[in-house]
Amino acid sequence: EAVAAEWMLEFACSCLCRHFAEQSGAEFWRWRDVAQALINGLSQIPPHQKKTVYLCQLLIRIAQGKSLGLQFENDQRISPLESALSFWTLLEREEIKLEKLHEEIRRLIQIQIVAVHMENRYFKEAAEVLERLFTDSESDKPLRVKLATVIKTKDPYVPLLQSFSYGLLINKIKSYIELFMKENETNFLIQEATKHVVSKGLGATALQNRPVEVNENGKSDSEPKQRFVLSIILLRDVLGHTFPIFLKFVLFRGLDSMQNVGKNEVSLACSRRRQRWTHKEDLELKLGVKEFGVGNWAKILAHGNFNNRTSVMLKDRWRTLSKIK
């Protein structure tokens, strides 16, 4: 059952990646619900699937990054993009080598967190988020100073924000998805599904031969839904007797979580925030501060073992420890 669940999560993630890259909204949201249900059905994240889980959570948040009213964390100050940044940090920890693309995406997310607040005229909040985003390190200082200056202008259309636009962030994420998909070409379900399509002569014709409803603009309303149904049928044929396991994860274990996703309350993030700090984690945090200095939470997070916590959590815990002293 566990192995089948892993296959299905990888398959759901690959669908999520593909629909994000193709900007096919309806199908992306359907596979978001499937992926989220499978993730919430896990008692713990298998080490080899951390990247898969983190990428799914990242894409869900990036896709809704301009909606400041949505909440993915218990802390209401944390916007969808700021939550996305925490998952990007976790993804970076799983990489063997950090490339230029990783740094570009990190910088773009940071800039867009500020930009989205400014676009909505939340200038005070933009200044507050700047304090949370950047450390006191010299490497962060140039961008921090530039963004502080931009916030003071109260102009969301300055050249800096236009150059590092949301569209550019989406394109960089697509580039990362492409690399991720190449790394995961050995996905069992995808291989079996491909063989099944070839053997049955399915593919584009399977959809084309089905009647579709066309709206007044000449566009198909049901095509995305039919594609989703065909994907589920394909899963059923490939999985055989293990297909009921898929349904159990999605329809039973994930039922509450799918409803919560609709309300923008992601249980994975919430469960992380309820997690009690251990003595070992406190020691890791103290050693990290000693090595990298107060404020360098991203570096401390990357070099320590904090059981899927975020840099914001590290900062809050350090404040608590400082008061105890």
C-alpha atoms as a PDB file:
ATOM      1  CA  GLU A   1       0.000   0.000   0.000  1.00  0.00           C
ATOM      2  CA  ALA A   2       2.815   2.405   0.912  1.00  0.00           C
ATOM      3  CA  VAL A   3       4.625   1.758  -2.379  1.00  0.00           C
ATOM      4  CA  ALA A   4       1.441   2.293  -4.393  1.00  0.00           C
ATOM      5  CA  ALA A   5       0.814   5.547  -2.515  1.00  0.00           C
ATOM      6  CA  GLU A   6       4.326   6.743  -3.396  1.00  0.00           C
ATOM      7  CA  TRP A   7       3.767   5.964  -7.087  1.00  0.00           C
ATOM      8  CA  MET A   8       0.476   7.832  -7.051  1.00  0.00           C
ATOM      9  CA  LEU A   9       1.974  10.875  -5.342  1.00  0.00           C
ATOM     10  CA  GLU A  10       4.754  11.022  -7.922  1.00  0.00           C
ATOM     11  CA  PHE A  11       2.189  10.714 -10.706  1.00  0.00           C
ATOM     12  CA  ALA A  12       0.016  13.454  -9.187  1.00  0.00           C
ATOM     13  CA  CYS A  13       3.080  15.697  -8.798  1.00  0.00           C
ATOM     14  CA  SER A  14       4.072  15.155 -12.432  1.00  0.00           C
ATOM     15  CA  CYS A  15       0.531  16.112 -13.523  1.00  0.00           C
ATOM     16  CA  LEU A  16       0.668  19.175 -11.280  1.00  0.00           C
ATOM     17  CA  CYS A  17       4.021  20.184 -12.800  1.00  0.00           C
ATOM     18  CA  ARG A  18       2.796  19.687 -16.355  1.00  0.00           C
ATOM     19  CA  HIS A  19      -0.392  21.701 -15.866  1.00  0.00           C
ATOM     20  CA  PHE A  20       1.515  24.474 -14.062  1.00  0.00           C
ATOM     21  CA  ALA A  21       3.936  24.686 -16.989  1.00  0.00           C
ATOM     22  CA  GLU A  22       1.071  24.682 -19.502  1.00  0.00           C
ATOM     23  CA  GLN A  23      -0.898  27.220 -17.404  1.00  0.00           C
ATOM     24  CA  SER A  24      -3.977  24.981 -17.681  1.00  0.00           C
ATOM     25  CA  GLY A  25      -5.819  26.286 -14.645  1.00  0.00           C
ATOM     26  CA  ALA A  26      -8.788  23.914 -14.289  1.00  0.00           C
ATOM     27  CA  GLU A  27      -6.655  20.785 -14.578  1.00  0.00           C
ATOM     28  CA  PHE A  28      -3.997  22.227 -12.270  1.00  0.00           C
ATOM     29  CA  TRP A  29      -6.570  22.815  -9.514  1.00  0.00           C
ATOM     30  CA  ARG A  30      -7.980  19.292  -9.863  1.00  0.00           C
ATOM     31  CA  TRP A  31      -4.551  17.693  -9.546  1.00  0.00           C
ATOM     32  CA  ARG A  32      -3.747  20.092  -6.706  1.00  0.00           C
ATOM     33  CA  ASP A  33      -6.611  18.548  -4.735  1.00  0.00           C
ATOM     34  CA  VAL A  34      -5.437  15.019  -5.556  1.00  0.00           C
ATOM     35  CA  ALA A  35      -1.809  15.770  -4.633  1.00  0.00           C
ATOM     36  CA  GLN A  36      -2.823  17.551  -1.417  1.00  0.00           C
ATOM     37  CA  ALA A  37      -5.076  14.664  -0.407  1.00  0.00           C
ATOM     38  CA  LEU A  38      -2.269  12.153  -0.968  1.00  0.00           C
ATOM     39  CA  ILE A  39       0.227  14.306   0.955  1.00  0.00           C
ATOM     40  CA  ASN A  40      -2.147  14.704   3.888  1.00  0.00           C
ATOM     41  CA  GLY A  41      -2.660  10.937   3.870  1.00  0.00           C
ATOM     42  CA  LEU A  42       1.019  10.403   4.698  1.00  0.00           C
ATOM     43  CA  SER A  43       1.842   9.750   8.349  1.00  0.00           C
ATOM     44  CA  GLN A  44       5.315  11.114   7.596  1.00  0.00           C
ATOM     45  CA  ILE A  45       7.202  12.198   4.484  1.00  0.00           C
ATOM     46  CA  PRO A  46       9.543   9.466   3.164  1.00  0.00           C
ATOM     47  CA  PRO A  47      13.057  10.979   2.773  1.00  0.00           C
ATOM     48  CA  HIS A  48      13.192  10.150  -0.951  1.00  0.00           C
ATOM     49  CA  GLN A  49       9.876  11.946  -1.550  1.00  0.00           C
ATOM     50  CA  LYS A  50      10.645  15.183   0.250  1.00  0.00           C
ATOM     51  CA  LYS A  51      11.392  17.018  -3.013  1.00  0.00           C
ATOM     52  CA  THR A  52       8.122  15.774  -4.502  1.00  0.00           C
ATOM     53  CA  VAL A  53       6.080  16.988  -1.524  1.00  0.00           C
ATOM     54  CA  TYR A  54       7.905  20.314  -1.243  1.00  0.00           C
ATOM     55  CA  LEU A  55       7.530  21.007  -4.971  1.00  0.00           C
ATOM     56  CA  CYS A  56       3.777  20.332  -4.866  1.00  0.00           C
ATOM     57  CA  GLN A  57       3.392  22.735  -1.939  1.00  0.00           C
ATOM     58  CA  LEU A  58       5.566  25.326  -3.672  1.00  0.00           C
ATOM     59  CA  LEU A  59       3.540  25.231  -6.916  1.00  0.00           C
ATOM     60  CA  ILE A  60       0.217  25.487  -5.061  1.00  0.00           C
ATOM     61  CA  ARG A  61       1.421  28.629  -3.294  1.00  0.00           C
ATOM     62  CA  ILE A  62       3.098  30.230  -6.321  1.00  0.00           C
ATOM     63  CA  ALA A  63      -0.096  29.711  -8.350  1.00  0.00           C
ATOM     64  CA  GLN A  64      -2.017  31.709  -5.710  1.00  0.00           C
ATOM     65  CA  GLY A  65       0.813  34.056  -4.844  1.00  0.00           C
ATOM     66  CA  LYS A  66      -1.031  37.267  -5.700  1.00  0.00           C
ATOM     67  CA  SER A  67      -3.975  36.468  -3.419  1.00  0.00           C
ATOM     68  CA  LEU A  68      -3.020  38.065  -0.106  1.00  0.00           C
ATOM     69  CA  GLY A  69      -6.345  37.043   1.408  1.00  0.00           C
ATOM     70  CA  LEU A  70      -5.405  33.363   1.299  1.00  0.00           C
ATOM     71  CA  GLN A  71      -3.798  31.727   4.326  1.00  0.00           C
ATOM     72  CA  PHE A  72      -1.460  28.735   4.196  1.00  0.00           C
ATOM     73  CA  GLU A  73       0.093  29.238   7.641  1.00  0.00           C
ATOM     74  CA  ASN A  74      -1.328  29.778  11.123  1.00  0.00           C
ATOM     75  CA  ASP A  75       0.502  33.099  11.284  1.00  0.00           C
ATOM     76  CA  GLN A  76      -1.842  35.460   9.414  1.00  0.00           C
ATOM     77  CA  ARG A  77       1.052  37.748   8.492  1.00  0.00           C
ATOM     78  CA  ILE A  78       2.485  35.078   6.186  1.00  0.00           C
ATOM     79  CA  SER A  79       1.346  35.571   2.576  1.00  0.00           C
ATOM     80  CA  PRO A  80       1.138  32.693   0.053  1.00  0.00           C
ATOM     81  CA  LEU A  81       4.466  33.752  -1.488  1.00  0.00           C
ATOM     82  CA  GLU A  82       6.198  33.962   1.881  1.00  0.00           C
ATOM     83  CA  SER A  83       4.908  30.461   2.604  1.00  0.00           C
ATOM     84  CA  ALA A  84       6.209  29.418  -0.837  1.00  0.00           C
ATOM     85  CA  LEU A  85       9.638  30.776   0.101  1.00  0.00           C
ATOM     86  CA  SER A  86       9.777  28.461   3.123  1.00  0.00           C
ATOM     87  CA  PHE A  87       9.132  25.461   0.862  1.00  0.00           C
ATOM     88  CA  TRP A  88      11.721  26.723  -1.613  1.00  0.00           C
ATOM     89  CA  THR A  89      14.221  26.783   1.265  1.00  0.00           C
ATOM     90  CA  LEU A  90      13.310  23.175   2.070  1.00  0.00           C
ATOM     91  CA  LEU A  91      13.717  22.240  -1.602  1.00  0.00           C
ATOM     92  CA  GLU A  92      17.160  23.832  -1.681  1.00  0.00           C
ATOM     93  CA  ARG A  93      18.167  21.654   1.268  1.00  0.00           C
ATOM     94  CA  GLU A  94      17.357  18.547  -0.788  1.00  0.00           C
ATOM     95  CA  GLU A  95      19.505  19.615  -3.748  1.00  0.00           C
ATOM     96  CA  ILE A  96      22.942  18.052  -4.160  1.00  0.00           C
ATOM     97  CA  LYS A  97      24.255  21.277  -5.631  1.00  0.00           C
ATOM     98  CA  LEU A  98      22.713  24.742  -5.657  1.00  0.00           C
ATOM     99  CA  GLU A  99      22.774  26.268  -9.129  1.00  0.00           C
ATOM    100  CA  LYS A 100      22.358  29.847 -10.323  1.00  0.00           C
ATOM    101  CA  LEU A 101      18.690  29.072 -11.033  1.00  0.00           C
ATOM    102  CA  HIS A 102      18.074  28.371  -7.336  1.00  0.00           C
ATOM    103  CA  GLU A 103      19.436  31.769  -6.317  1.00  0.00           C
ATOM    104  CA  GLU A 104      17.443  33.500  -9.084  1.00  0.00           C
ATOM    105  CA  ILE A 105      14.191  31.903  -7.924  1.00  0.00           C
ATOM    106  CA  ARG A 106      14.899  32.762  -4.281  1.00  0.00           C
ATOM    107  CA  ARG A 107      15.570  36.403  -5.211  1.00  0.00           C
ATOM    108  CA  LEU A 108      12.451  36.604  -7.393  1.00  0.00           C
ATOM    109  CA  ILE A 109      10.212  35.196  -4.660  1.00  0.00           C
ATOM    110  CA  GLN A 110      11.640  37.671  -2.150  1.00  0.00           C
ATOM    111  CA  ILE A 111      11.109  40.612  -4.500  1.00  0.00           C
ATOM    112  CA  GLN A 112       7.600  39.526  -5.457  1.00  0.00           C
ATOM    113  CA  ILE A 113       6.571  39.104  -1.816  1.00  0.00           C
ATOM    114  CA  VAL A 114       7.243  42.827  -1.415  1.00  0.00           C
ATOM    115  CA  ALA A 115       5.823  43.703  -4.861  1.00  0.00           C
ATOM    116  CA  VAL A 116       2.473  41.966  -4.270  1.00  0.00           C
ATOM    117  CA  HIS A 117       2.017  43.820  -0.968  1.00  0.00           C
ATOM    118  CA  MET A 118       2.783  47.116  -2.715  1.00  0.00           C
ATOM    119  CA  GLU A 119       0.425  46.375  -5.614  1.00  0.00           C
ATOM    120  CA  ASN A 120      -2.335  46.014  -3.019  1.00  0.00           C
ATOM    121  CA  ARG A 121      -1.178  49.238  -1.298  1.00  0.00           C
ATOM    122  CA  TYR A 122      -0.116  47.421   1.865  1.00  0.00           C
ATOM    123  CA  PHE A 123       3.014  49.525   2.295  1.00  0.00           C
ATOM    124  CA  LYS A 124       3.287  49.091   6.053  1.00  0.00           C
ATOM    125  CA  GLU A 125       3.019  45.319   5.676  1.00  0.00           C
ATOM    126  CA  ALA A 126       5.619  45.428   2.875  1.00  0.00           C
ATOM    127  CA  ALA A 127       8.066  47.092   5.274  1.00  0.00           C
ATOM    128  CA  GLU A 128       7.285  44.521   7.969  1.00  0.00           C
ATOM    129  CA  VAL A 129       7.758  41.575   5.627  1.00  0.00           C
ATOM    130  CA  LEU A 130      11.114  43.009   4.564  1.00  0.00           C
ATOM    131  CA  GLU A 131      12.321  42.617   8.157  1.00  0.00           C
ATOM    132  CA  ARG A 132      11.276  38.958   8.151  1.00  0.00           C
ATOM    133  CA  LEU A 133      12.697  38.179   4.720  1.00  0.00           C
ATOM    134  CA  PHE A 134      16.256  39.366   4.980  1.00  0.00           C
ATOM    135  CA  THR A 135      19.082  38.615   7.356  1.00  0.00           C
ATOM    136  CA  ASP A 136      21.719  41.013   8.603  1.00  0.00           C
ATOM    137  CA  SER A 137      24.375  39.415   6.389  1.00  0.00           C
ATOM    138  CA  GLU A 138      26.365  41.518   3.933  1.00  0.00           C
ATOM    139  CA  SER A 139      25.260  39.378   0.975  1.00  0.00           C
ATOM    140  CA  ASP A 140      21.599  40.290   1.606  1.00  0.00           C
ATOM    141  CA  LYS A 141      22.240  43.970   2.247  1.00  0.00           C
ATOM    142  CA  PRO A 142      22.192  45.369  -1.352  1.00  0.00           C
ATOM    143  CA  LEU A 143      18.780  43.902  -2.227  1.00  0.00           C
ATOM    144  CA  ARG A 144      17.375  44.704   1.210  1.00  0.00           C
ATOM    145  CA  VAL A 145      18.403  48.362   0.869  1.00  0.00           C
ATOM    146  CA  LYS A 146      16.979  48.602  -2.673  1.00  0.00           C
ATOM    147  CA  LEU A 147      13.634  47.156  -1.610  1.00  0.00           C
ATOM    148  CA  ALA A 148      13.473  49.414   1.446  1.00  0.00           C
ATOM    149  CA  THR A 149      13.950  52.403  -0.882  1.00  0.00           C
ATOM    150  CA  VAL A 150      11.257  51.096  -3.246  1.00  0.00           C
ATOM    151  CA  ILE A 151       8.773  50.702  -0.381  1.00  0.00           C
ATOM    152  CA  LYS A 152       9.341  54.332   0.657  1.00  0.00           C
ATOM    153  CA  THR A 153       8.395  55.504  -2.863  1.00  0.00           C
ATOM    154  CA  LYS A 154       5.034  53.682  -2.553  1.00  0.00           C
ATOM    155  CA  ASP A 155       5.259  53.028  -6.292  1.00  0.00           C
ATOM    156  CA  PRO A 156       4.691  49.368  -7.280  1.00  0.00           C
ATOM    157  CA  TYR A 157       5.742  50.078 -10.867  1.00  0.00           C
ATOM    158  CA  VAL A 158       9.365  51.090 -10.344  1.00  0.00           C
ATOM    159  CA  PRO A 159      11.943  49.500 -12.722  1.00  0.00           C
ATOM    160  CA  LEU A 160      13.241  47.033 -10.099  1.00  0.00           C
ATOM    161  CA  LEU A 161       9.836  45.442  -9.547  1.00  0.00           C
ATOM    162  CA  GLN A 162       9.078  45.474 -13.276  1.00  0.00           C
ATOM    163  CA  SER A 163      12.405  43.810 -14.129  1.00  0.00           C
ATOM    164  CA  PHE A 164      11.917  41.059 -11.545  1.00  0.00           C
ATOM    165  CA  SER A 165       8.262  40.515 -12.396  1.00  0.00           C
ATOM    166  CA  TYR A 166       5.815  37.805 -11.392  1.00  0.00           C
ATOM    167  CA  GLY A 167       5.864  36.549 -14.971  1.00  0.00           C
ATOM    168  CA  LEU A 168       9.632  36.095 -14.782  1.00  0.00           C
ATOM    169  CA  LEU A 169       9.209  34.149 -11.530  1.00  0.00           C
ATOM    170  CA  ILE A 170       6.699  31.825 -13.224  1.00  0.00           C
ATOM    171  CA  ASN A 171       9.114  31.235 -16.114  1.00  0.00           C
ATOM    172  CA  LYS A 172      11.989  30.434 -13.739  1.00  0.00           C
ATOM    173  CA  ILE A 173       9.768  27.991 -11.850  1.00  0.00           C
ATOM    174  CA  LYS A 174       8.924  26.354 -15.185  1.00  0.00           C
ATOM    175  CA  SER A 175      12.658  25.952 -15.852  1.00  0.00           C
ATOM    176  CA  TYR A 176      13.051  24.271 -12.471  1.00  0.00           C
ATOM    177  CA  ILE A 177      10.071  21.998 -13.209  1.00  0.00           C
ATOM    178  CA  GLU A 178      11.747  20.931 -16.457  1.00  0.00           C
ATOM    179  CA  LEU A 179      14.879  19.911 -14.552  1.00  0.00           C
ATOM    180  CA  PHE A 180      12.806  18.124 -11.907  1.00  0.00           C
ATOM    181  CA  MET A 181      10.868  16.170 -14.538  1.00  0.00           C
ATOM    182  CA  LYS A 182      14.091  15.045 -16.222  1.00  0.00           C
ATOM    183  CA  GLU A 183      15.366  13.769 -12.882  1.00  0.00           C
ATOM    184  CA  ASN A 184      12.142  11.808 -12.389  1.00  0.00           C
ATOM    185  CA  GLU A 185      11.735  10.223 -15.808  1.00  0.00           C
ATOM    186  CA  THR A 186      11.934   6.793 -14.164  1.00  0.00           C
ATOM    187  CA  ASN A 187       8.573   7.285 -12.414  1.00  0.00           C
ATOM    188  CA  PHE A 188       6.936   3.834 -12.490  1.00  0.00           C
ATOM    189  CA  LEU A 189       3.378   5.019 -13.057  1.00  0.00           C
ATOM    190  CA  ILE A 190       4.342   7.387 -15.858  1.00  0.00           C
ATOM    191  CA  GLN A 191       6.285   4.626 -17.627  1.00  0.00           C
ATOM    192  CA  GLU A 192       3.417   2.165 -17.248  1.00  0.00           C
ATOM    193  CA  ALA A 193       0.851   4.752 -18.303  1.00  0.00           C
ATOM    194  CA  THR A 194       2.883   5.530 -21.425  1.00  0.00           C
ATOM    195  CA  LYS A 195       3.065   1.821 -22.309  1.00  0.00           C
ATOM    196  CA  HIS A 196      -0.673   1.515 -21.720  1.00  0.00           C
ATOM    197  CA  VAL A 197      -1.470   4.462 -23.975  1.00  0.00           C
ATOM    198  CA  VAL A 198       0.718   3.059 -26.743  1.00  0.00           C
ATOM    199  CA  SER A 199      -0.664  -0.491 -26.439  1.00  0.00           C
ATOM    200  CA  LYS A 200      -4.280   0.698 -26.430  1.00  0.00           C
ATOM    201  CA  GLY A 201      -3.746   3.296 -29.150  1.00  0.00           C
ATOM    202  CA  LEU A 202      -5.015   6.022 -26.839  1.00  0.00           C
ATOM    203  CA  GLY A 203      -3.796   9.584 -26.559  1.00  0.00           C
ATOM    204  CA  ALA A 204      -5.198  12.681 -28.169  1.00  0.00           C
ATOM    205  CA  THR A 205      -7.737  10.676 -30.205  1.00  0.00           C
ATOM    206  CA  ALA A 206      -9.315   9.345 -27.010  1.00  0.00           C
ATOM    207  CA  LEU A 207     -10.413  12.841 -26.112  1.00  0.00           C
ATOM    208  CA  GLN A 208     -11.189  13.902 -29.652  1.00  0.00           C
ATOM    209  CA  ASN A 209     -13.658  11.030 -30.112  1.00  0.00           C
ATOM    210  CA  ARG A 210     -15.692  12.109 -27.092  1.00  0.00           C
ATOM    211  CA  PRO A 211     -18.511  14.672 -27.541  1.00  0.00           C
ATOM    212  CA  VAL A 212     -17.747  17.985 -25.866  1.00  0.00           C
ATOM    213  CA  GLU A 213     -19.968  20.897 -24.947  1.00  0.00           C
ATOM    214  CA  VAL A 214     -19.005  24.207 -26.504  1.00  0.00           C
ATOM    215  CA  ASN A 215     -19.898  27.526 -24.925  1.00  0.00           C
ATOM    216  CA  GLU A 216     -20.937  30.686 -26.729  1.00  0.00           C
ATOM    217  CA  ASN A 217     -17.305  31.700 -27.212  1.00  0.00           C
ATOM    218  CA  GLY A 218     -16.594  28.511 -29.101  1.00  0.00           C
ATOM    219  CA  LYS A 219     -14.539  27.046 -26.249  1.00  0.00           C
ATOM    220  CA  SER A 220     -15.035  23.664 -24.621  1.00  0.00           C
ATOM    221  CA  ASP A 221     -16.208  23.876 -21.008  1.00  0.00           C
ATOM    222  CA  SER A 222     -15.869  20.162 -20.382  1.00  0.00           C
ATOM    223  CA  GLU A 223     -12.519  19.407 -22.041  1.00  0.00           C
ATOM    224  CA  PRO A 224     -10.376  19.939 -18.895  1.00  0.00           C
ATOM    225  CA  LYS A 225     -12.833  17.824 -16.886  1.00  0.00           C
ATOM    226  CA  GLN A 226     -12.743  15.071 -19.507  1.00  0.00           C
ATOM    227  CA  ARG A 227      -8.946  15.097 -19.524  1.00  0.00           C
ATOM    228  CA  PHE A 228      -8.977  14.690 -15.750  1.00  0.00           C
ATOM    229  CA  VAL A 229     -11.458  11.798 -15.950  1.00  0.00           C
ATOM    230  CA  LEU A 230      -9.360  10.135 -18.665  1.00  0.00           C
ATOM    231  CA  SER A 231      -6.300  10.442 -16.433  1.00  0.00           C
ATOM    232  CA  ILE A 232      -8.170   8.720 -13.589  1.00  0.00           C
ATOM    233  CA  ILE A 233      -9.378   5.974 -15.960  1.00  0.00           C
ATOM    234  CA  LEU A 234      -5.807   5.530 -17.137  1.00  0.00           C
ATOM    235  CA  LEU A 235      -4.669   5.265 -13.515  1.00  0.00           C
ATOM    236  CA  ARG A 236      -7.317   2.615 -12.871  1.00  0.00           C
ATOM    237  CA  ASP A 237      -6.176   0.533 -15.846  1.00  0.00           C
ATOM    238  CA  VAL A 238      -2.489   0.821 -14.928  1.00  0.00           C
ATOM    239  CA  LEU A 239      -2.875   0.248 -11.178  1.00  0.00           C
ATOM    240  CA  GLY A 240      -5.279  -2.651 -11.488  1.00  0.00           C
ATOM    241  CA  HIS A 241      -6.094  -4.105  -8.057  1.00  0.00           C
ATOM    242  CA  THR A 242      -4.198  -1.297  -6.295  1.00  0.00           C
ATOM    243  CA  PHE A 243      -6.484   1.396  -7.736  1.00  0.00           C
ATOM    244  CA  PRO A 244      -8.877   1.218  -4.729  1.00  0.00           C
ATOM    245  CA  ILE A 245      -5.923   2.329  -2.579  1.00  0.00           C
ATOM    246  CA  PHE A 246      -5.741   5.492  -4.679  1.00  0.00           C
ATOM    247  CA  LEU A 247      -9.449   6.125  -4.137  1.00  0.00           C
ATOM    248  CA  LYS A 248      -9.095   5.499  -0.411  1.00  0.00           C
ATOM    249  CA  PHE A 249      -6.333   8.109  -0.135  1.00  0.00           C
ATOM    250  CA  VAL A 250      -8.180  10.698  -2.185  1.00  0.00           C
ATOM    251  CA  LEU A 251     -11.764  10.148  -1.053  1.00  0.00           C
ATOM    252  CA  PHE A 252     -11.294   9.178   2.585  1.00  0.00           C
ATOM    253  CA  ARG A 253      -7.958  10.228   4.069  1.00  0.00           C
ATOM    254  CA  GLY A 254      -7.905  13.358   1.961  1.00  0.00           C
ATOM    255  CA  LEU A 255     -11.556  14.380   2.199  1.00  0.00           C
ATOM    256  CA  ASP A 256     -11.119  16.882   5.016  1.00  0.00           C
ATOM    257  CA  SER A 257      -7.873  18.169   3.566  1.00  0.00           C
ATOM    258  CA  MET A 258      -9.447  18.762   0.150  1.00  0.00           C
ATOM    259  CA  GLN A 259     -12.166  20.827   1.835  1.00  0.00           C
ATOM    260  CA  ASN A 260      -9.508  22.707   3.770  1.00  0.00           C
ATOM    261  CA  VAL A 261      -7.558  23.404   0.595  1.00  0.00           C
ATOM    262  CA  GLY A 262     -10.708  25.015  -0.783  1.00  0.00           C
ATOM    263  CA  LYS A 263     -10.655  27.264   2.283  1.00  0.00           C
ATOM    264  CA  ASN A 264      -6.931  27.777   1.806  1.00  0.00           C
ATOM    265  CA  GLU A 265      -6.005  26.094   5.080  1.00  0.00           C
ATOM    266  CA  VAL A 266      -3.217  23.649   4.325  1.00  0.00           C
ATOM    267  CA  SER A 267      -2.967  21.071   7.077  1.00  0.00           C
ATOM    268  CA  LEU A 268       0.677  20.197   6.402  1.00  0.00           C
ATOM    269  CA  ALA A 269       1.744  23.734   7.220  1.00  0.00           C
ATOM    270  CA  CYS A 270      -0.522  23.814  10.261  1.00  0.00           C
ATOM    271  CA  SER A 271       0.812  20.526  11.598  1.00  0.00           C
ATOM    272  CA  ARG A 272       4.335  21.853  11.314  1.00  0.00           C
ATOM    273  CA  ARG A 273       3.412  24.857  13.436  1.00  0.00           C
ATOM    274  CA  ARG A 274       1.879  22.743  16.199  1.00  0.00           C
ATOM    275  CA  GLN A 275       4.996  20.598  16.464  1.00  0.00           C
ATOM    276  CA  ARG A 276       6.784  20.903  19.803  1.00  0.00           C
ATOM    277  CA  TRP A 277      10.454  21.932  19.704  1.00  0.00           C
ATOM    278  CA  THR A 278      12.833  19.228  20.911  1.00  0.00           C
ATOM    279  CA  HIS A 279      15.989  19.721  22.974  1.00  0.00           C
ATOM    280  CA  LYS A 280      18.017  18.512  19.976  1.00  0.00           C
ATOM    281  CA  GLU A 281      16.446  21.146  17.690  1.00  0.00           C
ATOM    282  CA  ASP A 282      17.162  23.867  20.253  1.00  0.00           C
ATOM    283  CA  LEU A 283      20.816  22.800  20.291  1.00  0.00           C
ATOM    284  CA  GLU A 284      20.881  22.822  16.462  1.00  0.00           C
ATOM    285  CA  LEU A 285      19.463  26.346  16.495  1.00  0.00           C
ATOM    286  CA  LYS A 286      21.999  27.583  19.063  1.00  0.00           C
ATOM    287  CA  LEU A 287      24.890  26.045  17.109  1.00  0.00           C
ATOM    288  CA  GLY A 288      23.543  27.602  13.904  1.00  0.00           C
ATOM    289  CA  VAL A 289      23.344  31.052  15.469  1.00  0.00           C
ATOM    290  CA  LYS A 290      26.863  30.630  16.835  1.00  0.00           C
ATOM    291  CA  GLU A 291      28.199  29.684  13.388  1.00  0.00           C
ATOM    292  CA  PHE A 292      26.192  31.993  11.092  1.00  0.00           C
ATOM    293  CA  GLY A 293      24.967  34.732  13.421  1.00  0.00           C
ATOM    294  CA  VAL A 294      21.533  35.953  14.499  1.00  0.00           C
ATOM    295  CA  GLY A 295      19.295  36.717  11.525  1.00  0.00           C
ATOM    296  CA  ASN A 296      20.816  34.245   9.060  1.00  0.00           C
ATOM    297  CA  TRP A 297      17.830  31.942   9.456  1.00  0.00           C
ATOM    298  CA  ALA A 298      17.854  30.612   5.881  1.00  0.00           C
ATOM    299  CA  LYS A 299      21.490  29.485   6.215  1.00  0.00           C
ATOM    300  CA  ILE A 300      20.869  27.996   9.654  1.00  0.00           C
ATOM    301  CA  LEU A 301      17.832  26.145   8.273  1.00  0.00           C
ATOM    302  CA  ALA A 302      19.804  24.817   5.307  1.00  0.00           C
ATOM    303  CA  HIS A 303      22.655  23.480   7.448  1.00  0.00           C
ATOM    304  CA  GLY A 304      20.646  22.099  10.370  1.00  0.00           C
ATOM    305  CA  ASN A 305      18.109  19.343  10.890  1.00  0.00           C
ATOM    306  CA  PHE A 306      14.878  21.025  11.972  1.00  0.00           C
ATOM    307  CA  ASN A 307      12.289  18.474  10.860  1.00  0.00           C
ATOM    308  CA  ASN A 308      10.660  20.486   8.055  1.00  0.00           C
ATOM    309  CA  ARG A 309      10.439  23.804   9.914  1.00  0.00           C
ATOM    310  CA  THR A 310      10.647  27.204   8.201  1.00  0.00           C
ATOM    311  CA  SER A 311      13.036  30.121   8.707  1.00  0.00           C
ATOM    312  CA  VAL A 312      10.190  32.125  10.310  1.00  0.00           C
ATOM    313  CA  MET A 313       9.774  29.350  12.884  1.00  0.00           C
ATOM    314  CA  LEU A 314      13.498  29.454  13.635  1.00  0.00           C
ATOM    315  CA  LYS A 315      13.351  33.208  14.172  1.00  0.00           C
ATOM    316  CA  ASP A 316      10.340  32.916  16.515  1.00  0.00           C
ATOM    317  CA  ARG A 317      11.962  30.097  18.483  1.00  0.00           C
ATOM    318  CA  TRP A 318      15.185  32.096  18.889  1.00  0.00           C
ATOM    319  CA  ARG A 319      13.177  34.981  20.347  1.00  0.00           C
ATOM    320  CA  THR A 320      11.636  32.546  22.845  1.00  0.00           C
ATOM    321  CA  LEU A 321      15.028  31.085  23.781  1.00  0.00           C
ATOM    322  CA  SER A 322      16.464  34.581  24.208  1.00  0.00           C
ATOM    323  CA  LYS A 323      13.681  35.482  26.656  1.00  0.00           C
ATOM    324  CA  ILE A 324      14.288  32.276  28.643  1.00  0.00           C
ATOM    325  CA  LYS A 325      17.936  33.292  29.081  1.00  0.00           C
END
